[in-house]
């Protein structure tokens, strides 16, 4: 449920509170929330009416970067890490944290704050594929073309398989 849906749920609860026909548990069942949440909403509703259930906006800190700085950061990241001076084009959180500190003077204490910033900017996690330096692409291709088809042709042996030492079967 997004913020709008949650607010609509609270407003439906307010309408049900006005009818005074259902218990908190029943309202929770109808709206798909816990009775405790409904109880909290009802308490707020009694104190401030329906207006008390309307969202006051996003809570928590606003973040270290203003919208203009976020736009600049997005431009820096899109150019790539190599363009910024790193040896690879990957953007691990510590690199992004360093760019933020150097470019905007904002110091994030740990990478989780950087992650929340990037997530708020619409970026997602990209996991690098790690490959061994000794990896031989030609040998891999030959194995896939020659050896794998032979293994596939054989298929499983006759009868059910089992990894148990006490049961009969392949294993």
N, C-alpha and C. Protein backbone atom coordinates (compact mmCIF):
# COMPACT_ATOMS: atom_id res chain seq x y z
N UNK A 1 0.84 -1.18 0.00
CA UNK A 1 0.00 0.00 0.00
C UNK A 1 0.89 1.24 0.00
N UNK A 2 0.61 2.16 -0.90
CA UNK A 2 1.37 3.40 -0.89
C UNK A 2 0.71 4.39 0.08
N UNK A 3 1.30 5.56 0.21
CA UNK A 3 0.83 6.54 1.19
C UNK A 3 -0.62 6.95 0.92
N UNK A 4 -0.97 7.10 -0.35
CA UNK A 4 -2.34 7.48 -0.70
C UNK A 4 -3.34 6.41 -0.28
N UNK A 5 -3.00 5.15 -0.56
CA UNK A 5 -3.88 4.04 -0.18
C UNK A 5 -4.04 3.96 1.34
N UNK A 6 -2.96 4.18 2.06
CA UNK A 6 -3.04 4.14 3.53
C UNK A 6 -3.96 5.24 4.05
N UNK A 7 -3.85 6.41 3.46
CA UNK A 7 -4.71 7.51 3.90
C UNK A 7 -6.17 7.18 3.58
N UNK A 8 -6.44 6.63 2.41
CA UNK A 8 -7.81 6.26 2.05
C UNK A 8 -8.35 5.22 3.03
N UNK A 9 -7.50 4.31 3.47
CA UNK A 9 -7.90 3.30 4.45
C UNK A 9 -8.28 3.96 5.77
N UNK A 10 -7.49 4.93 6.21
CA UNK A 10 -7.81 5.64 7.46
C UNK A 10 -9.11 6.42 7.33
N UNK A 11 -9.35 7.02 6.15
CA UNK A 11 -10.58 7.78 5.96
C UNK A 11 -11.81 6.86 5.92
N UNK A 12 -11.64 5.66 5.35
CA UNK A 12 -12.74 4.68 5.40
C UNK A 12 -13.01 4.27 6.84
N UNK A 13 -11.95 4.13 7.61
CA UNK A 13 -12.11 3.80 9.03
C UNK A 13 -12.88 4.91 9.74
N UNK A 14 -12.57 6.17 9.42
CA UNK A 14 -13.28 7.29 10.04
C UNK A 14 -14.77 7.21 9.73
N UNK A 15 -15.12 6.87 8.49
CA UNK A 15 -16.54 6.74 8.13
C UNK A 15 -17.20 5.62 8.93
N UNK A 16 -16.47 4.54 9.14
CA UNK A 16 -17.01 3.43 9.94
C UNK A 16 -17.11 3.81 11.43
N UNK A 17 -16.17 4.65 11.91
CA UNK A 17 -16.26 5.10 13.30
C UNK A 17 -17.53 5.91 13.51
N UNK A 18 -17.87 6.73 12.51
CA UNK A 18 -19.07 7.57 12.62
C UNK A 18 -20.34 6.71 12.70
N UNK A 19 -20.35 5.58 12.00
CA UNK A 19 -21.52 4.69 12.04
C UNK A 19 -21.62 3.97 13.38
N UNK A 20 -20.49 3.77 14.06
CA UNK A 20 -20.44 3.16 15.39
C UNK A 20 -21.17 1.81 15.44
N UNK A 21 -20.95 0.97 14.40
CA UNK A 21 -21.63 -0.32 14.35
C UNK A 21 -20.67 -1.51 14.42
N UNK A 22 -19.39 -1.27 14.26
CA UNK A 22 -18.43 -2.38 14.21
C UNK A 22 -17.34 -2.21 15.26
N UNK A 23 -16.81 -3.34 15.69
CA UNK A 23 -15.68 -3.31 16.63
C UNK A 23 -14.40 -2.97 15.86
N UNK A 24 -13.36 -2.61 16.61
CA UNK A 24 -12.06 -2.33 15.98
C UNK A 24 -11.55 -3.55 15.23
N UNK A 25 -11.75 -4.72 15.81
CA UNK A 25 -11.29 -5.96 15.17
C UNK A 25 -12.01 -6.17 13.84
N UNK A 26 -13.32 -5.93 13.82
CA UNK A 26 -14.09 -6.13 12.57
C UNK A 26 -13.69 -5.10 11.52
N UNK A 27 -13.50 -3.85 11.93
CA UNK A 27 -13.06 -2.82 10.99
C UNK A 27 -11.70 -3.20 10.42
N UNK A 28 -10.83 -3.72 11.28
CA UNK A 28 -9.51 -4.16 10.83
C UNK A 28 -9.61 -5.26 9.79
N UNK A 29 -10.53 -6.22 10.01
CA UNK A 29 -10.74 -7.30 9.04
C UNK A 29 -11.21 -6.74 7.70
N UNK A 30 -12.16 -5.83 7.76
CA UNK A 30 -12.73 -5.24 6.54
C UNK A 30 -11.66 -4.47 5.77
N UNK A 31 -10.82 -3.73 6.48
CA UNK A 31 -9.82 -2.89 5.82
C UNK A 31 -8.47 -3.59 5.60
N UNK A 32 -8.31 -4.77 6.16
CA UNK A 32 -7.07 -5.51 5.98
C UNK A 32 -5.92 -4.98 6.82
N UNK A 33 -6.24 -4.48 8.01
CA UNK A 33 -5.23 -3.98 8.94
C UNK A 33 -5.47 -4.59 10.31
N UNK A 34 -4.57 -4.35 11.24
CA UNK A 34 -4.71 -4.91 12.58
C UNK A 34 -5.71 -4.11 13.40
N UNK A 35 -6.30 -4.78 14.38
CA UNK A 35 -7.22 -4.10 15.29
C UNK A 35 -6.49 -3.01 16.06
N UNK A 36 -5.21 -3.24 16.34
CA UNK A 36 -4.42 -2.24 17.07
C UNK A 36 -4.29 -0.95 16.26
N UNK A 37 -4.06 -1.09 14.93
CA UNK A 37 -3.98 0.09 14.07
C UNK A 37 -5.31 0.84 14.09
N UNK A 38 -6.40 0.10 13.98
CA UNK A 38 -7.73 0.71 14.01
C UNK A 38 -7.95 1.42 15.34
N UNK A 39 -7.53 0.80 16.45
CA UNK A 39 -7.67 1.41 17.76
C UNK A 39 -6.91 2.73 17.84
N UNK A 40 -5.68 2.75 17.29
CA UNK A 40 -4.89 3.99 17.27
C UNK A 40 -5.58 5.07 16.44
N UNK A 41 -6.12 4.67 15.28
CA UNK A 41 -6.82 5.63 14.43
C UNK A 41 -8.06 6.17 15.13
N UNK A 42 -8.76 5.27 15.83
CA UNK A 42 -9.99 5.71 16.50
C UNK A 42 -9.67 6.71 17.62
N UNK A 43 -8.60 6.46 18.33
CA UNK A 43 -8.18 7.38 19.39
C UNK A 43 -7.87 8.76 18.79
N UNK A 44 -7.12 8.76 17.68
CA UNK A 44 -6.80 10.02 17.01
C UNK A 44 -8.08 10.68 16.48
N UNK A 45 -8.98 9.89 15.96
CA UNK A 45 -10.24 10.40 15.42
C UNK A 45 -11.08 11.06 16.52
N UNK A 46 -11.13 10.41 17.70
CA UNK A 46 -11.88 10.99 18.83
C UNK A 46 -11.28 12.32 19.25
N UNK A 47 -9.97 12.45 19.18
CA UNK A 47 -9.31 13.68 19.63
C UNK A 47 -9.36 14.79 18.59
N UNK A 48 -9.27 14.43 17.29
CA UNK A 48 -9.16 15.48 16.27
C UNK A 48 -10.06 15.32 15.07
N UNK A 49 -10.96 14.36 15.11
CA UNK A 49 -11.87 14.16 13.98
C UNK A 49 -11.15 13.55 12.78
N UNK A 50 -11.84 13.61 11.65
CA UNK A 50 -11.30 13.02 10.43
C UNK A 50 -9.98 13.67 10.03
N UNK A 51 -9.83 14.97 10.29
CA UNK A 51 -8.59 15.67 9.95
C UNK A 51 -7.37 15.04 10.62
N UNK A 52 -7.58 14.42 11.78
CA UNK A 52 -6.46 13.80 12.50
C UNK A 52 -5.94 12.57 11.77
N UNK A 53 -6.71 12.04 10.83
CA UNK A 53 -6.31 10.84 10.10
C UNK A 53 -5.72 11.16 8.73
N UNK A 54 -5.69 12.42 8.37
CA UNK A 54 -5.11 12.83 7.09
C UNK A 54 -3.60 12.95 7.26
N UNK A 55 -2.88 12.46 6.27
CA UNK A 55 -1.42 12.44 6.32
C UNK A 55 -0.85 13.85 6.45
N UNK A 56 0.15 13.98 7.28
CA UNK A 56 0.83 15.26 7.46
C UNK A 56 2.06 15.36 6.55
N UNK A 57 2.22 14.39 5.67
CA UNK A 57 3.38 14.37 4.77
C UNK A 57 4.42 13.39 5.28
N UNK A 58 5.47 13.29 4.54
CA UNK A 58 6.54 12.35 4.86
C UNK A 58 7.22 12.73 6.17
N UNK A 59 7.50 11.72 6.98
CA UNK A 59 8.19 11.96 8.26
C UNK A 59 9.66 11.65 8.11
N UNK A 60 10.43 11.98 9.10
CA UNK A 60 11.85 11.67 9.09
C UNK A 60 12.66 12.82 8.53
N UNK A 61 13.96 12.67 8.58
CA UNK A 61 14.82 13.74 8.10
C UNK A 61 14.67 13.93 6.59
N UNK A 62 14.86 15.15 6.15
CA UNK A 62 14.72 15.48 4.74
C UNK A 62 15.89 14.97 3.91
N UNK A 63 17.01 14.70 4.53
CA UNK A 63 18.19 14.26 3.80
C UNK A 63 19.18 15.40 3.68
N UNK A 64 20.38 15.05 3.33
CA UNK A 64 21.43 16.04 3.27
C UNK A 64 21.46 16.82 1.97
N UNK A 65 20.94 16.27 0.91
CA UNK A 65 21.02 16.92 -0.39
C UNK A 65 19.65 17.48 -0.79
N UNK A 66 19.66 18.72 -1.28
CA UNK A 66 18.42 19.31 -1.76
C UNK A 66 18.15 18.79 -3.18
N UNK A 67 16.98 19.06 -3.72
CA UNK A 67 16.65 18.52 -5.05
C UNK A 67 17.66 18.89 -6.14
N UNK A 68 18.18 20.09 -6.10
CA UNK A 68 19.18 20.50 -7.09
C UNK A 68 20.46 19.69 -6.98
N UNK A 69 20.89 19.44 -5.75
CA UNK A 69 22.09 18.63 -5.52
C UNK A 69 21.84 17.18 -5.93
N UNK A 70 20.65 16.69 -5.69
CA UNK A 70 20.32 15.33 -6.11
C UNK A 70 20.40 15.21 -7.64
N UNK A 71 19.93 16.24 -8.31
CA UNK A 71 20.02 16.25 -9.78
C UNK A 71 21.48 16.23 -10.22
N UNK A 72 22.32 17.05 -9.57
CA UNK A 72 23.74 17.07 -9.91
C UNK A 72 24.38 15.71 -9.64
N UNK A 73 24.02 15.09 -8.51
CA UNK A 73 24.56 13.77 -8.18
C UNK A 73 24.15 12.76 -9.25
N UNK A 74 22.91 12.81 -9.66
CA UNK A 74 22.42 11.89 -10.70
C UNK A 74 23.27 12.06 -11.97
N UNK A 75 23.57 13.30 -12.34
CA UNK A 75 24.38 13.55 -13.53
C UNK A 75 25.79 12.98 -13.35
N UNK A 76 26.38 13.16 -12.17
CA UNK A 76 27.72 12.62 -11.91
C UNK A 76 27.74 11.10 -12.01
N UNK A 77 26.74 10.46 -11.43
CA UNK A 77 26.69 9.01 -11.43
C UNK A 77 26.44 8.47 -12.84
N UNK A 78 25.64 9.15 -13.61
CA UNK A 78 25.36 8.69 -14.98
C UNK A 78 26.60 8.75 -15.87
N UNK A 79 27.49 9.67 -15.60
CA UNK A 79 28.72 9.76 -16.41
C UNK A 79 29.62 8.56 -16.17
N UNK A 80 29.46 7.91 -15.03
CA UNK A 80 30.24 6.71 -14.74
C UNK A 80 31.35 6.97 -13.75
N UNK A 81 31.74 5.92 -13.06
CA UNK A 81 32.78 6.02 -12.03
C UNK A 81 34.15 6.27 -12.65
N UNK A 82 34.40 5.72 -13.83
CA UNK A 82 35.69 5.95 -14.49
C UNK A 82 35.87 7.43 -14.80
N UNK A 83 34.80 8.08 -15.23
CA UNK A 83 34.86 9.50 -15.54
C UNK A 83 35.19 10.32 -14.30
N UNK A 84 34.80 9.79 -13.14
CA UNK A 84 35.10 10.49 -11.89
C UNK A 84 36.52 10.19 -11.39
N UNK A 85 37.17 9.18 -11.98
CA UNK A 85 38.55 8.88 -11.61
C UNK A 85 38.77 7.51 -11.00
N UNK A 86 37.71 6.71 -10.89
CA UNK A 86 37.87 5.36 -10.35
C UNK A 86 38.32 4.42 -11.46
N UNK A 87 38.88 3.27 -11.06
CA UNK A 87 39.42 2.34 -12.04
C UNK A 87 38.35 1.54 -12.76
N UNK A 88 37.19 1.34 -12.15
CA UNK A 88 36.08 0.62 -12.79
C UNK A 88 34.86 1.52 -12.81
N UNK A 89 33.85 1.11 -13.59
CA UNK A 89 32.63 1.93 -13.68
C UNK A 89 31.58 1.57 -12.65
N UNK A 90 31.93 0.77 -11.69
CA UNK A 90 30.98 0.38 -10.65
C UNK A 90 30.79 1.51 -9.64
N UNK A 91 29.59 1.57 -9.06
CA UNK A 91 29.29 2.58 -8.04
C UNK A 91 28.92 1.91 -6.72
N UNK A 92 29.88 1.31 -6.01
CA UNK A 92 29.56 0.82 -4.66
C UNK A 92 29.20 2.01 -3.76
N UNK A 93 28.47 1.73 -2.70
CA UNK A 93 27.99 2.81 -1.84
C UNK A 93 29.11 3.67 -1.27
N UNK A 94 30.25 3.07 -0.95
CA UNK A 94 31.35 3.87 -0.40
C UNK A 94 31.88 4.87 -1.42
N UNK A 95 31.89 4.50 -2.69
CA UNK A 95 32.32 5.45 -3.73
C UNK A 95 31.32 6.59 -3.84
N UNK A 96 30.03 6.25 -3.82
CA UNK A 96 29.01 7.29 -3.92
C UNK A 96 29.11 8.22 -2.72
N UNK A 97 29.35 7.64 -1.55
CA UNK A 97 29.50 8.45 -0.33
C UNK A 97 30.67 9.42 -0.48
N UNK A 98 31.75 8.95 -1.06
CA UNK A 98 32.93 9.81 -1.27
C UNK A 98 32.61 10.93 -2.25
N UNK A 99 31.90 10.62 -3.34
CA UNK A 99 31.52 11.63 -4.32
C UNK A 99 30.64 12.69 -3.67
N UNK A 100 29.69 12.25 -2.85
CA UNK A 100 28.80 13.19 -2.17
C UNK A 100 29.60 14.11 -1.26
N UNK A 101 30.52 13.53 -0.50
CA UNK A 101 31.34 14.34 0.42
C UNK A 101 32.19 15.34 -0.35
N UNK A 102 32.83 14.90 -1.42
CA UNK A 102 33.73 15.78 -2.19
C UNK A 102 32.96 16.84 -2.98
N UNK A 103 31.80 16.47 -3.53
CA UNK A 103 31.06 17.38 -4.39
C UNK A 103 30.14 18.33 -3.64
N UNK A 104 29.57 17.85 -2.52
CA UNK A 104 28.55 18.65 -1.84
C UNK A 104 28.87 18.94 -0.38
N UNK A 105 29.93 18.34 0.14
CA UNK A 105 30.31 18.56 1.54
C UNK A 105 29.38 17.89 2.54
N UNK A 106 28.55 16.96 2.08
CA UNK A 106 27.63 16.25 2.97
C UNK A 106 28.26 14.92 3.35
N UNK A 107 28.40 14.68 4.66
CA UNK A 107 29.07 13.47 5.13
C UNK A 107 28.04 12.48 5.67
N UNK A 108 27.84 11.38 4.96
CA UNK A 108 26.98 10.30 5.44
C UNK A 108 27.81 9.41 6.35
N UNK A 109 27.28 9.09 7.52
CA UNK A 109 28.03 8.32 8.52
C UNK A 109 28.29 6.89 8.06
N UNK A 110 27.35 6.32 7.32
CA UNK A 110 27.55 4.95 6.85
C UNK A 110 26.83 4.78 5.51
N UNK A 111 27.13 3.70 4.81
CA UNK A 111 26.55 3.50 3.48
C UNK A 111 25.02 3.36 3.46
N UNK A 112 24.40 3.00 4.58
CA UNK A 112 22.94 2.82 4.56
C UNK A 112 22.23 4.14 4.25
N UNK A 113 22.77 5.25 4.71
CA UNK A 113 22.18 6.54 4.39
C UNK A 113 22.31 6.86 2.91
N UNK A 114 23.43 6.47 2.32
CA UNK A 114 23.63 6.67 0.88
C UNK A 114 22.64 5.80 0.12
N UNK A 115 22.46 4.56 0.60
CA UNK A 115 21.52 3.66 -0.05
C UNK A 115 20.10 4.24 -0.02
N UNK A 116 19.68 4.78 1.13
CA UNK A 116 18.34 5.36 1.22
C UNK A 116 18.20 6.55 0.27
N UNK A 117 19.25 7.36 0.15
CA UNK A 117 19.24 8.50 -0.77
C UNK A 117 19.09 8.01 -2.21
N UNK A 118 19.89 7.04 -2.61
CA UNK A 118 19.83 6.52 -3.97
C UNK A 118 18.47 5.90 -4.26
N UNK A 119 17.92 5.18 -3.29
CA UNK A 119 16.61 4.56 -3.45
C UNK A 119 15.55 5.65 -3.65
N UNK A 120 15.63 6.72 -2.87
CA UNK A 120 14.69 7.83 -3.00
C UNK A 120 14.82 8.50 -4.36
N UNK A 121 16.03 8.42 -4.96
CA UNK A 121 16.27 9.02 -6.27
C UNK A 121 15.86 8.07 -7.41
N UNK A 122 15.41 6.86 -7.05
CA UNK A 122 14.96 5.92 -8.06
C UNK A 122 16.02 4.96 -8.56
N UNK A 123 17.17 4.92 -7.90
CA UNK A 123 18.24 4.00 -8.30
C UNK A 123 18.04 2.67 -7.59
N UNK A 124 18.57 1.60 -8.17
CA UNK A 124 18.43 0.28 -7.58
C UNK A 124 19.80 -0.37 -7.44
N UNK A 125 19.84 -1.46 -6.68
CA UNK A 125 21.07 -2.19 -6.46
C UNK A 125 21.46 -2.93 -7.73
N UNK A 126 22.71 -2.84 -8.07
CA UNK A 126 23.25 -3.58 -9.20
C UNK A 126 24.41 -4.40 -8.66
N UNK A 127 24.29 -5.72 -8.70
CA UNK A 127 25.33 -6.58 -8.18
C UNK A 127 26.30 -6.90 -9.29
N UNK A 128 27.56 -6.65 -9.04
CA UNK A 128 28.58 -6.92 -10.04
C UNK A 128 28.79 -8.42 -10.19
N UNK A 129 28.98 -8.84 -11.42
CA UNK A 129 29.31 -10.24 -11.67
C UNK A 129 30.80 -10.40 -11.43
N UNK A 130 31.16 -11.24 -10.47
CA UNK A 130 32.57 -11.46 -10.18
C UNK A 130 33.07 -12.62 -11.03
N UNK A 131 34.18 -12.40 -11.68
CA UNK A 131 34.75 -13.44 -12.52
C UNK A 131 36.21 -13.62 -12.16
N UNK A 132 36.62 -14.86 -12.16
CA UNK A 132 38.00 -15.19 -11.84
C UNK A 132 38.93 -14.65 -12.93
N UNK A 133 40.10 -14.19 -12.53
CA UNK A 133 41.08 -13.71 -13.50
C UNK A 133 41.51 -14.84 -14.43
N UNK A 134 41.49 -16.07 -13.91
CA UNK A 134 41.94 -17.23 -14.68
C UNK A 134 40.86 -17.76 -15.61
N UNK A 135 39.70 -17.16 -15.64
CA UNK A 135 38.56 -17.65 -16.43
C UNK A 135 38.96 -17.73 -17.90
N UNK A 136 38.68 -18.88 -18.51
CA UNK A 136 39.02 -19.12 -19.91
C UNK A 136 37.71 -19.24 -20.69
N UNK A 137 37.31 -18.17 -21.34
CA UNK A 137 36.03 -18.13 -22.05
C UNK A 137 35.96 -19.18 -23.15
N UNK A 138 37.07 -19.41 -23.85
CA UNK A 138 37.08 -20.40 -24.93
C UNK A 138 36.87 -21.81 -24.38
N UNK A 139 37.51 -22.12 -23.26
CA UNK A 139 37.34 -23.44 -22.66
C UNK A 139 35.91 -23.63 -22.18
N UNK A 140 35.31 -22.59 -21.65
CA UNK A 140 33.92 -22.66 -21.19
C UNK A 140 32.99 -22.90 -22.37
N UNK A 141 33.19 -22.16 -23.45
CA UNK A 141 32.36 -22.31 -24.64
C UNK A 141 32.50 -23.73 -25.21
N UNK A 142 33.72 -24.26 -25.25
CA UNK A 142 33.94 -25.62 -25.76
C UNK A 142 33.23 -26.65 -24.88
N UNK A 143 33.29 -26.47 -23.57
CA UNK A 143 32.62 -27.39 -22.65
C UNK A 143 31.11 -27.37 -22.87
N UNK A 144 30.55 -26.15 -23.04
CA UNK A 144 29.10 -26.03 -23.24
C UNK A 144 28.69 -26.69 -24.56
N UNK A 145 29.50 -26.53 -25.59
CA UNK A 145 29.16 -27.09 -26.90
C UNK A 145 29.40 -28.60 -26.99
N UNK A 146 30.44 -29.11 -26.34
CA UNK A 146 30.83 -30.50 -26.53
C UNK A 146 30.46 -31.40 -25.35
N UNK A 147 30.82 -31.01 -24.15
CA UNK A 147 30.63 -31.88 -22.99
C UNK A 147 29.19 -31.85 -22.47
N UNK A 148 28.62 -30.68 -22.35
CA UNK A 148 27.28 -30.56 -21.78
C UNK A 148 26.23 -31.35 -22.57
N UNK A 149 26.23 -31.32 -23.92
CA UNK A 149 25.24 -32.12 -24.65
C UNK A 149 25.35 -33.62 -24.35
N UNK A 150 26.56 -34.11 -24.10
CA UNK A 150 26.74 -35.51 -23.77
C UNK A 150 26.13 -35.83 -22.41
N UNK A 151 26.30 -34.94 -21.48
CA UNK A 151 25.73 -35.13 -20.14
C UNK A 151 24.21 -35.07 -20.22
N UNK A 152 23.68 -34.13 -20.99
CA UNK A 152 22.24 -33.99 -21.14
C UNK A 152 21.62 -35.23 -21.78
N UNK A 153 22.29 -35.79 -22.79
CA UNK A 153 21.78 -36.97 -23.49
C UNK A 153 21.61 -38.15 -22.55
N UNK A 154 22.59 -38.32 -21.65
CA UNK A 154 22.53 -39.45 -20.73
C UNK A 154 21.33 -39.37 -19.81
N UNK A 155 21.05 -38.20 -19.31
CA UNK A 155 19.91 -38.02 -18.42
C UNK A 155 20.05 -38.81 -17.14
N UNK A 156 19.00 -38.83 -16.34
CA UNK A 156 19.06 -39.57 -15.08
C UNK A 156 19.06 -41.07 -15.33
N UNK A 157 19.62 -41.79 -14.42
CA UNK A 157 19.67 -43.25 -14.51
C UNK A 157 18.30 -43.85 -14.29
N UNK A 158 18.16 -45.17 -14.45
CA UNK A 158 16.85 -45.81 -14.27
C UNK A 158 16.43 -45.81 -12.80
N UNK A 159 15.15 -45.70 -12.57
CA UNK A 159 14.61 -45.79 -11.22
C UNK A 159 14.71 -44.48 -10.46
N UNK A 160 14.03 -44.44 -9.33
CA UNK A 160 14.05 -43.21 -8.52
C UNK A 160 15.41 -43.00 -7.86
N UNK A 161 15.78 -41.78 -7.70
CA UNK A 161 17.05 -41.46 -7.05
C UNK A 161 16.84 -41.19 -5.58
N UNK A 162 17.90 -41.35 -4.81
CA UNK A 162 17.82 -41.07 -3.38
C UNK A 162 19.21 -40.75 -2.88
N UNK A 163 19.29 -39.79 -1.98
CA UNK A 163 20.57 -39.47 -1.38
C UNK A 163 20.72 -40.13 -0.02
N UNK A 164 19.70 -40.88 0.39
CA UNK A 164 19.74 -41.55 1.69
C UNK A 164 20.58 -42.81 1.61
N UNK A 165 21.40 -43.02 2.64
CA UNK A 165 22.23 -44.23 2.69
C UNK A 165 21.40 -45.46 3.05
N UNK A 166 20.19 -45.24 3.56
CA UNK A 166 19.36 -46.38 3.99
C UNK A 166 18.33 -46.77 2.95
N UNK A 167 18.19 -45.97 1.88
CA UNK A 167 17.21 -46.28 0.84
C UNK A 167 17.92 -46.67 -0.43
N UNK A 168 17.31 -47.54 -1.20
CA UNK A 168 17.87 -47.95 -2.47
C UNK A 168 17.67 -46.86 -3.51
N UNK A 169 18.49 -46.87 -4.50
CA UNK A 169 18.38 -45.91 -5.58
C UNK A 169 19.72 -45.28 -5.84
N UNK A 170 19.74 -44.41 -6.87
CA UNK A 170 20.99 -43.70 -7.16
C UNK A 170 21.30 -42.77 -6.00
N UNK A 171 22.53 -42.46 -5.81
CA UNK A 171 22.80 -41.53 -4.74
C UNK A 171 24.17 -41.21 -4.57
